[in-house]
């Protein structure tokens, strides 16, 4: 009974994953941002608009991102500011979970200071995995028996 009460008192989790592209300046920026809640429901999943002439490398093999995804020609995109605001909104009062959270926050031009309303953050890449391979793909496969990233990356799948 004590465990159940402790779980009910915990702030809900929300997981974040960003797929990124590299700009000509060298900076990695969010090109698709996804968040899922503790039940596995997608609460945010959007492509982020960028000028293709500013993109040096789409890293498509890893990110799944193509020019049409971020130039608005294949569907709706949002600005980086809208994506950033959505992440802050959905993380408010929750524990924000991500694998290598600093890379995702940097790609969104966010810092830990932007998350003062967040209950806490948890970086799964920084946990002690007892000598296990710590890539997200390896951890999901070994611990959850959930193969991910077998094709192009999906930030929704990675956040789950």
N, C-alpha and C. Protein backbone atom coordinates (compact mmCIF):
# COMPACT_ATOMS: atom_id res chain seq x y z
N UNK A 1 0.82 -1.19 0.00
CA UNK A 1 0.00 0.00 0.00
C UNK A 1 0.86 1.25 0.00
N UNK A 2 1.98 1.22 0.73
CA UNK A 2 2.88 2.37 0.77
C UNK A 2 3.44 2.70 -0.60
N UNK A 3 3.75 1.68 -1.40
CA UNK A 3 4.28 1.92 -2.74
C UNK A 3 3.24 2.59 -3.61
N UNK A 4 2.00 2.15 -3.53
CA UNK A 4 0.94 2.75 -4.33
C UNK A 4 0.76 4.21 -3.97
N UNK A 5 0.75 4.53 -2.71
CA UNK A 5 0.58 5.92 -2.28
C UNK A 5 1.76 6.76 -2.77
N UNK A 6 2.97 6.21 -2.68
CA UNK A 6 4.14 6.95 -3.12
C UNK A 6 4.06 7.23 -4.62
N UNK A 7 3.59 6.26 -5.40
CA UNK A 7 3.46 6.47 -6.85
C UNK A 7 2.41 7.53 -7.16
N UNK A 8 1.32 7.53 -6.41
CA UNK A 8 0.26 8.50 -6.66
C UNK A 8 0.72 9.92 -6.32
N UNK A 9 1.64 10.05 -5.35
CA UNK A 9 2.12 11.36 -4.95
C UNK A 9 3.20 11.92 -5.88
N UNK A 10 3.75 11.06 -6.73
CA UNK A 10 4.83 11.51 -7.62
C UNK A 10 4.27 12.35 -8.75
N UNK A 11 4.99 13.40 -9.14
CA UNK A 11 4.55 14.17 -10.31
C UNK A 11 4.60 13.27 -11.55
N UNK A 12 3.70 13.47 -12.47
CA UNK A 12 3.70 12.63 -13.67
C UNK A 12 4.95 12.89 -14.51
N UNK A 13 5.33 11.87 -15.22
CA UNK A 13 6.48 11.96 -16.10
C UNK A 13 6.05 12.45 -17.47
N UNK A 14 6.95 13.10 -18.15
CA UNK A 14 6.79 13.42 -19.57
C UNK A 14 8.17 13.24 -20.19
N UNK A 15 8.21 12.53 -21.32
CA UNK A 15 9.48 12.25 -21.97
C UNK A 15 9.62 13.10 -23.23
N UNK A 16 10.85 13.49 -23.51
CA UNK A 16 11.18 14.37 -24.63
C UNK A 16 12.22 13.72 -25.51
N UNK A 17 12.05 13.88 -26.83
CA UNK A 17 13.11 13.52 -27.76
C UNK A 17 13.07 14.48 -28.93
N UNK A 18 14.24 14.90 -29.36
CA UNK A 18 14.37 15.79 -30.52
C UNK A 18 15.22 15.09 -31.58
N UNK A 19 14.77 15.19 -32.81
CA UNK A 19 15.62 14.82 -33.94
C UNK A 19 16.21 16.14 -34.43
N UNK A 20 17.46 16.11 -34.84
CA UNK A 20 18.18 17.35 -35.11
C UNK A 20 18.80 17.37 -36.49
N UNK A 21 19.01 18.59 -36.97
CA UNK A 21 19.79 18.84 -38.17
C UNK A 21 20.93 19.77 -37.80
N UNK A 22 21.96 19.75 -38.63
CA UNK A 22 23.12 20.62 -38.38
C UNK A 22 23.05 21.82 -39.32
N UNK A 23 23.12 23.01 -38.74
CA UNK A 23 23.12 24.23 -39.54
C UNK A 23 24.52 24.49 -40.10
N UNK A 24 24.61 25.37 -41.08
CA UNK A 24 25.90 25.73 -41.67
C UNK A 24 26.86 26.29 -40.62
N UNK A 25 26.30 26.89 -39.57
CA UNK A 25 27.13 27.43 -38.48
C UNK A 25 27.76 26.32 -37.63
N UNK A 26 27.28 25.09 -37.81
CA UNK A 26 27.75 23.96 -37.02
C UNK A 26 26.82 23.58 -35.88
N UNK A 27 25.90 24.47 -35.54
CA UNK A 27 24.97 24.22 -34.43
C UNK A 27 23.96 23.14 -34.80
N UNK A 28 23.71 22.25 -33.85
CA UNK A 28 22.66 21.24 -34.00
C UNK A 28 21.37 21.85 -33.47
N UNK A 29 20.30 21.81 -34.27
CA UNK A 29 19.02 22.39 -33.87
C UNK A 29 17.91 21.36 -34.03
N UNK A 30 16.87 21.53 -33.23
CA UNK A 30 15.72 20.63 -33.29
C UNK A 30 15.01 20.78 -34.62
N UNK A 31 14.73 19.65 -35.26
CA UNK A 31 13.99 19.64 -36.52
C UNK A 31 12.66 18.91 -36.33
N UNK A 32 12.57 18.07 -35.34
CA UNK A 32 11.31 17.43 -34.94
C UNK A 32 11.37 17.24 -33.44
N UNK A 33 10.30 17.61 -32.78
CA UNK A 33 10.24 17.54 -31.32
C UNK A 33 9.03 16.71 -30.94
N UNK A 34 9.25 15.73 -30.07
CA UNK A 34 8.15 14.89 -29.61
C UNK A 34 8.20 14.73 -28.11
N UNK A 35 7.01 14.67 -27.52
CA UNK A 35 6.88 14.42 -26.08
C UNK A 35 5.76 13.41 -25.88
N UNK A 36 5.99 12.49 -24.95
CA UNK A 36 4.96 11.52 -24.59
C UNK A 36 4.78 11.53 -23.08
N UNK A 37 3.56 11.23 -22.63
CA UNK A 37 3.31 11.19 -21.20
C UNK A 37 3.59 9.79 -20.66
N UNK A 38 3.41 9.61 -19.36
CA UNK A 38 3.74 8.34 -18.70
C UNK A 38 2.91 7.18 -19.22
N UNK A 39 1.74 7.47 -19.79
CA UNK A 39 0.88 6.41 -20.34
C UNK A 39 1.24 6.09 -21.80
N UNK A 40 2.21 6.81 -22.35
CA UNK A 40 2.62 6.57 -23.71
C UNK A 40 1.85 7.37 -24.75
N UNK A 41 1.04 8.32 -24.29
CA UNK A 41 0.28 9.16 -25.22
C UNK A 41 1.17 10.28 -25.74
N UNK A 42 1.10 10.53 -27.02
CA UNK A 42 1.85 11.63 -27.61
C UNK A 42 1.17 12.94 -27.24
N UNK A 43 1.90 13.83 -26.56
CA UNK A 43 1.33 15.12 -26.16
C UNK A 43 1.82 16.24 -27.07
N UNK A 44 2.91 15.99 -27.81
CA UNK A 44 3.42 16.98 -28.76
C UNK A 44 4.30 16.26 -29.76
N UNK A 45 4.11 16.55 -31.04
CA UNK A 45 4.94 15.96 -32.08
C UNK A 45 4.85 16.88 -33.30
N UNK A 46 5.88 17.67 -33.52
CA UNK A 46 5.87 18.63 -34.62
C UNK A 46 7.25 18.74 -35.27
N UNK A 47 7.22 18.99 -36.57
CA UNK A 47 8.44 19.36 -37.28
C UNK A 47 8.68 20.85 -37.05
N UNK A 48 9.94 21.22 -36.96
CA UNK A 48 10.32 22.60 -36.72
C UNK A 48 10.84 23.20 -38.02
N UNK A 49 10.28 24.35 -38.38
CA UNK A 49 10.64 24.98 -39.65
C UNK A 49 12.03 25.60 -39.60
N UNK A 50 12.78 25.32 -40.66
CA UNK A 50 14.10 25.91 -40.86
C UNK A 50 14.25 26.23 -42.34
N UNK A 51 15.07 27.21 -42.64
CA UNK A 51 15.39 27.55 -44.02
C UNK A 51 16.38 26.50 -44.54
N UNK A 52 16.00 25.72 -45.57
CA UNK A 52 16.91 24.68 -46.07
C UNK A 52 18.29 25.21 -46.49
N UNK A 53 18.37 26.47 -46.90
CA UNK A 53 19.67 27.01 -47.31
C UNK A 53 20.61 27.16 -46.12
N UNK A 54 20.06 27.12 -44.90
CA UNK A 54 20.88 27.23 -43.69
C UNK A 54 21.31 25.87 -43.15
N UNK A 55 20.76 24.78 -43.72
CA UNK A 55 21.04 23.43 -43.21
C UNK A 55 22.26 22.84 -43.93
N UNK A 56 23.23 22.44 -43.14
CA UNK A 56 24.45 21.81 -43.68
C UNK A 56 24.25 20.31 -43.84
N UNK A 57 23.61 19.66 -42.82
CA UNK A 57 23.46 18.21 -42.84
C UNK A 57 22.16 17.83 -42.15
N UNK A 58 21.35 17.07 -42.84
CA UNK A 58 20.07 16.61 -42.28
C UNK A 58 20.24 15.38 -41.39
N UNK A 59 21.36 14.70 -41.50
CA UNK A 59 21.60 13.47 -40.73
C UNK A 59 20.42 12.51 -40.87
N UNK A 60 19.90 12.39 -42.11
CA UNK A 60 18.68 11.64 -42.37
C UNK A 60 18.75 10.20 -41.89
N UNK A 61 19.89 9.57 -42.03
CA UNK A 61 20.02 8.17 -41.59
C UNK A 61 19.75 8.02 -40.10
N UNK A 62 20.04 9.06 -39.34
CA UNK A 62 19.85 9.02 -37.89
C UNK A 62 18.58 9.74 -37.45
N UNK A 63 18.26 10.82 -38.15
CA UNK A 63 17.14 11.67 -37.71
C UNK A 63 15.84 11.38 -38.44
N UNK A 64 15.93 10.83 -39.63
CA UNK A 64 14.74 10.63 -40.45
C UNK A 64 14.26 11.93 -41.08
N UNK A 65 14.97 13.02 -40.87
CA UNK A 65 14.56 14.34 -41.35
C UNK A 65 15.02 14.56 -42.79
N UNK A 66 14.10 15.09 -43.59
CA UNK A 66 14.39 15.48 -44.97
C UNK A 66 14.00 16.95 -45.15
N UNK A 67 14.51 17.55 -46.21
CA UNK A 67 14.23 18.96 -46.46
C UNK A 67 12.73 19.26 -46.44
N UNK A 68 11.93 18.43 -47.07
CA UNK A 68 10.48 18.68 -47.14
C UNK A 68 9.82 18.68 -45.77
N UNK A 69 10.43 18.02 -44.79
CA UNK A 69 9.85 17.99 -43.44
C UNK A 69 9.96 19.35 -42.75
N UNK A 70 11.02 20.09 -43.05
CA UNK A 70 11.26 21.32 -42.30
C UNK A 70 11.05 22.60 -43.11
N UNK A 71 10.81 22.46 -44.42
CA UNK A 71 10.57 23.68 -45.20
C UNK A 71 9.08 23.97 -45.34
N UNK A 72 8.24 23.10 -44.79
CA UNK A 72 6.80 23.32 -44.81
C UNK A 72 6.11 22.77 -46.04
N UNK A 73 6.84 22.22 -47.00
CA UNK A 73 6.23 21.77 -48.24
C UNK A 73 5.47 20.44 -48.11
N UNK A 74 5.80 19.65 -47.07
CA UNK A 74 5.11 18.35 -46.94
C UNK A 74 4.14 18.32 -45.77
N UNK A 75 3.90 19.45 -45.15
CA UNK A 75 2.96 19.48 -44.04
C UNK A 75 3.27 20.62 -43.10
N UNK A 76 2.51 20.65 -42.04
CA UNK A 76 2.61 21.73 -41.07
C UNK A 76 3.93 21.67 -40.29
N UNK A 77 4.53 22.83 -40.12
CA UNK A 77 5.71 22.98 -39.26
C UNK A 77 5.43 24.09 -38.27
N UNK A 78 6.22 24.13 -37.21
CA UNK A 78 6.12 25.21 -36.23
C UNK A 78 7.48 25.87 -36.11
N UNK A 79 7.51 27.07 -35.59
CA UNK A 79 8.78 27.75 -35.36
C UNK A 79 9.49 27.11 -34.17
N UNK A 80 10.77 27.35 -34.05
CA UNK A 80 11.53 26.85 -32.91
C UNK A 80 10.95 27.43 -31.62
N UNK A 81 10.53 28.69 -31.64
CA UNK A 81 9.95 29.32 -30.44
C UNK A 81 8.68 28.61 -30.01
N UNK A 82 7.83 28.22 -30.96
CA UNK A 82 6.59 27.50 -30.63
C UNK A 82 6.92 26.12 -30.03
N UNK A 83 7.88 25.43 -30.63
CA UNK A 83 8.29 24.12 -30.10
C UNK A 83 8.86 24.26 -28.69
N UNK A 84 9.68 25.26 -28.50
CA UNK A 84 10.30 25.52 -27.18
C UNK A 84 9.21 25.80 -26.14
N UNK A 85 8.25 26.65 -26.48
CA UNK A 85 7.16 26.96 -25.55
C UNK A 85 6.32 25.73 -25.22
N UNK A 86 6.10 24.87 -26.22
CA UNK A 86 5.33 23.65 -25.99
C UNK A 86 6.05 22.71 -25.02
N UNK A 87 7.36 22.59 -25.18
CA UNK A 87 8.15 21.74 -24.28
C UNK A 87 8.05 22.26 -22.85
N UNK A 88 8.23 23.56 -22.69
CA UNK A 88 8.14 24.15 -21.34
C UNK A 88 6.74 23.94 -20.77
N UNK A 89 5.71 24.16 -21.57
CA UNK A 89 4.33 24.00 -21.11
C UNK A 89 4.04 22.56 -20.66
N UNK A 90 4.44 21.59 -21.47
CA UNK A 90 4.14 20.19 -21.14
C UNK A 90 5.02 19.65 -20.01
N UNK A 91 6.17 20.29 -19.76
CA UNK A 91 7.06 19.85 -18.68
C UNK A 91 6.69 20.48 -17.34
N UNK A 92 5.90 21.54 -17.36
CA UNK A 92 5.56 22.27 -16.13
C UNK A 92 4.94 21.32 -15.09
N UNK A 93 5.55 21.27 -13.91
CA UNK A 93 5.04 20.45 -12.81
C UNK A 93 5.31 18.97 -12.96
N UNK A 94 6.01 18.58 -13.99
CA UNK A 94 6.28 17.16 -14.25
C UNK A 94 7.78 16.87 -14.17
N UNK A 95 8.10 15.60 -14.16
CA UNK A 95 9.49 15.17 -14.27
C UNK A 95 9.77 14.98 -15.76
N UNK A 96 10.71 15.75 -16.28
CA UNK A 96 11.06 15.68 -17.69
C UNK A 96 12.15 14.63 -17.87
N UNK A 97 11.88 13.62 -18.69
CA UNK A 97 12.80 12.52 -18.92
C UNK A 97 13.29 12.58 -20.36
N UNK A 98 14.59 12.40 -20.54
CA UNK A 98 15.16 12.34 -21.89
C UNK A 98 16.47 11.57 -21.82
N UNK A 99 16.90 11.08 -22.97
CA UNK A 99 18.19 10.42 -23.08
C UNK A 99 19.16 11.44 -23.65
N UNK A 100 20.13 11.84 -22.85
CA UNK A 100 21.07 12.92 -23.17
C UNK A 100 20.30 14.23 -23.26
N UNK A 101 19.68 14.58 -22.16
CA UNK A 101 18.78 15.74 -22.09
C UNK A 101 19.48 17.04 -22.48
N UNK A 102 20.77 17.16 -22.20
CA UNK A 102 21.46 18.40 -22.53
C UNK A 102 21.50 18.65 -24.03
N UNK A 103 21.61 17.59 -24.83
CA UNK A 103 21.61 17.75 -26.29
C UNK A 103 20.24 18.22 -26.78
N UNK A 104 19.17 17.64 -26.22
CA UNK A 104 17.82 18.06 -26.62
C UNK A 104 17.55 19.51 -26.22
N UNK A 105 17.92 19.87 -25.00
CA UNK A 105 17.70 21.24 -24.54
C UNK A 105 18.52 22.23 -25.36
N UNK A 106 19.76 21.88 -25.67
CA UNK A 106 20.60 22.74 -26.49
C UNK A 106 20.00 22.92 -27.89
N UNK A 107 19.48 21.85 -28.46
CA UNK A 107 18.88 21.92 -29.80
C UNK A 107 17.63 22.80 -29.82
N UNK A 108 17.02 22.96 -28.66
CA UNK A 108 15.84 23.82 -28.52
C UNK A 108 16.22 25.22 -28.03
N UNK A 109 17.51 25.45 -27.84
CA UNK A 109 18.01 26.70 -27.26
C UNK A 109 17.43 26.94 -25.87
N UNK A 110 17.35 25.87 -25.09
CA UNK A 110 16.87 25.93 -23.71
C UNK A 110 18.01 25.55 -22.77
N UNK A 111 17.89 25.99 -21.53
CA UNK A 111 18.84 25.60 -20.49
C UNK A 111 18.04 25.07 -19.30
N UNK A 112 18.73 24.52 -18.35
CA UNK A 112 18.07 24.03 -17.14
C UNK A 112 17.31 25.15 -16.44
N UNK A 113 17.80 26.38 -16.55
CA UNK A 113 17.12 27.52 -15.94
C UNK A 113 15.71 27.74 -16.50
N UNK A 114 15.48 27.29 -17.72
CA UNK A 114 14.16 27.44 -18.33
C UNK A 114 13.14 26.48 -17.72
N UNK A 115 13.61 25.57 -16.89
CA UNK A 115 12.72 24.54 -16.33
C UNK A 115 12.47 24.71 -14.84
N UNK A 116 12.46 25.95 -14.37
CA UNK A 116 12.19 26.19 -12.96
C UNK A 116 10.80 25.69 -12.55
N UNK A 117 9.85 25.63 -13.49
CA UNK A 117 8.49 25.16 -13.16
C UNK A 117 8.38 23.64 -13.30
N UNK A 118 9.43 23.00 -13.74
CA UNK A 118 9.46 21.56 -13.90
C UNK A 118 9.77 20.92 -12.54
N UNK A 119 9.10 19.84 -12.20
CA UNK A 119 9.33 19.18 -10.92
C UNK A 119 10.77 18.67 -10.81
N UNK A 120 11.30 18.15 -11.92
CA UNK A 120 12.66 17.63 -11.94
C UNK A 120 12.98 17.21 -13.36
N UNK A 121 14.25 16.88 -13.59
CA UNK A 121 14.64 16.30 -14.88
C UNK A 121 15.36 15.00 -14.59
N UNK A 122 15.29 14.08 -15.54
CA UNK A 122 15.95 12.79 -15.42
C UNK A 122 16.59 12.47 -16.76
N UNK A 123 17.90 12.33 -16.77
CA UNK A 123 18.63 12.00 -17.98
C UNK A 123 18.99 10.52 -17.93
N UNK A 124 18.33 9.73 -18.77
CA UNK A 124 18.55 8.29 -18.74
C UNK A 124 19.97 7.92 -19.17
N UNK A 125 20.64 8.80 -19.89
CA UNK A 125 22.03 8.54 -20.30
C UNK A 125 22.98 8.65 -19.11
N UNK A 126 22.57 9.34 -18.05
CA UNK A 126 23.44 9.57 -16.90
C UNK A 126 23.21 8.58 -15.75
N UNK A 127 22.24 7.69 -15.89
CA UNK A 127 21.97 6.71 -14.84
C UNK A 127 23.05 5.63 -14.82
N UNK A 128 23.22 4.97 -13.69
CA UNK A 128 24.19 3.87 -13.56
C UNK A 128 23.54 2.60 -14.11
N UNK A 129 24.00 2.17 -15.27
CA UNK A 129 23.42 0.99 -15.92
C UNK A 129 24.28 -0.26 -15.71
N UNK A 130 25.15 -0.25 -14.71
CA UNK A 130 25.96 -1.42 -14.37
C UNK A 130 26.68 -2.02 -15.58
N UNK A 131 27.48 -1.19 -16.22
CA UNK A 131 28.32 -1.62 -17.34
C UNK A 131 27.54 -1.99 -18.61
N UNK A 132 26.25 -1.73 -18.65
CA UNK A 132 25.48 -1.98 -19.87
C UNK A 132 25.83 -0.94 -20.92
N UNK A 133 25.61 -1.32 -22.18
CA UNK A 133 25.68 -0.35 -23.28
C UNK A 133 24.60 0.68 -23.00
N UNK A 134 24.94 1.96 -23.06
CA UNK A 134 23.99 2.98 -22.63
C UNK A 134 23.31 3.73 -23.78
N UNK A 135 23.47 3.25 -25.00
CA UNK A 135 22.72 3.89 -26.07
C UNK A 135 21.23 3.63 -25.83
N UNK A 136 20.41 4.56 -26.25
CA UNK A 136 18.97 4.40 -26.06
C UNK A 136 18.47 3.13 -26.73
N UNK A 137 18.98 2.85 -27.91
CA UNK A 137 18.57 1.64 -28.64
C UNK A 137 18.88 0.38 -27.83
N UNK A 138 20.10 0.29 -27.29
CA UNK A 138 20.50 -0.90 -26.53
C UNK A 138 19.69 -1.03 -25.24
N UNK A 139 19.47 0.08 -24.54
CA UNK A 139 18.70 0.03 -23.29
C UNK A 139 17.26 -0.38 -23.53
N UNK A 140 16.63 0.17 -24.55
CA UNK A 140 15.23 -0.18 -24.85
C UNK A 140 15.12 -1.65 -25.22
N UNK A 141 16.07 -2.16 -25.98
CA UNK A 141 16.04 -3.55 -26.40
C UNK A 141 16.27 -4.49 -25.22
N UNK A 142 17.29 -4.20 -24.41
CA UNK A 142 17.65 -5.10 -23.31
C UNK A 142 16.68 -5.02 -22.13
N UNK A 143 16.33 -3.82 -21.71
CA UNK A 143 15.54 -3.67 -20.49
C UNK A 143 14.03 -3.72 -20.74
N UNK A 144 13.59 -3.27 -21.88
CA UNK A 144 12.15 -3.21 -22.15
C UNK A 144 11.71 -4.22 -23.20
N UNK A 145 12.67 -4.94 -23.77
CA UNK A 145 12.38 -5.86 -24.87
C UNK A 145 11.59 -5.14 -25.96
N UNK A 146 12.02 -3.89 -26.24
CA UNK A 146 11.34 -3.06 -27.22
C UNK A 146 12.38 -2.55 -28.23
N UNK A 147 12.49 -3.25 -29.37
CA UNK A 147 13.46 -2.78 -30.36
C UNK A 147 13.02 -1.44 -30.94
N UNK A 148 13.94 -0.48 -30.95
CA UNK A 148 13.66 0.83 -31.53
C UNK A 148 14.78 1.18 -32.50
N UNK A 149 14.57 2.19 -33.30
CA UNK A 149 15.56 2.70 -34.23
C UNK A 149 16.04 1.65 -35.23
N UNK A 150 15.13 0.74 -35.61
CA UNK A 150 15.52 -0.27 -36.59
C UNK A 150 15.48 0.30 -38.00
N UNK A 151 14.77 1.39 -38.17
CA UNK A 151 14.76 2.13 -39.44
C UNK A 151 15.18 3.55 -39.09
N UNK A 152 14.60 4.54 -39.76
CA UNK A 152 14.90 5.92 -39.40
C UNK A 152 14.31 6.22 -38.04
N UNK A 153 14.94 7.12 -37.32
CA UNK A 153 14.50 7.45 -35.97
C UNK A 153 13.15 8.15 -35.95
N UNK A 154 12.37 7.80 -34.95
CA UNK A 154 11.14 8.51 -34.67
C UNK A 154 11.28 9.05 -33.25
N UNK A 155 11.16 10.36 -33.07
CA UNK A 155 11.28 10.88 -31.71
C UNK A 155 10.16 10.40 -30.80
N UNK A 156 9.00 10.08 -31.35
CA UNK A 156 7.90 9.54 -30.53
C UNK A 156 8.31 8.18 -29.99
N UNK A 157 8.83 7.31 -30.87
CA UNK A 157 9.29 5.99 -30.46
C UNK A 157 10.43 6.09 -29.45
N UNK A 158 11.37 7.00 -29.67
CA UNK A 158 12.50 7.16 -28.77
C UNK A 158 12.05 7.69 -27.40
N UNK A 159 11.07 8.58 -27.38
CA UNK A 159 10.59 9.12 -26.11
C UNK A 159 9.84 8.07 -25.30
N UNK A 160 9.15 7.16 -26.01
CA UNK A 160 8.43 6.09 -25.28
C UNK A 160 9.40 5.27 -24.48
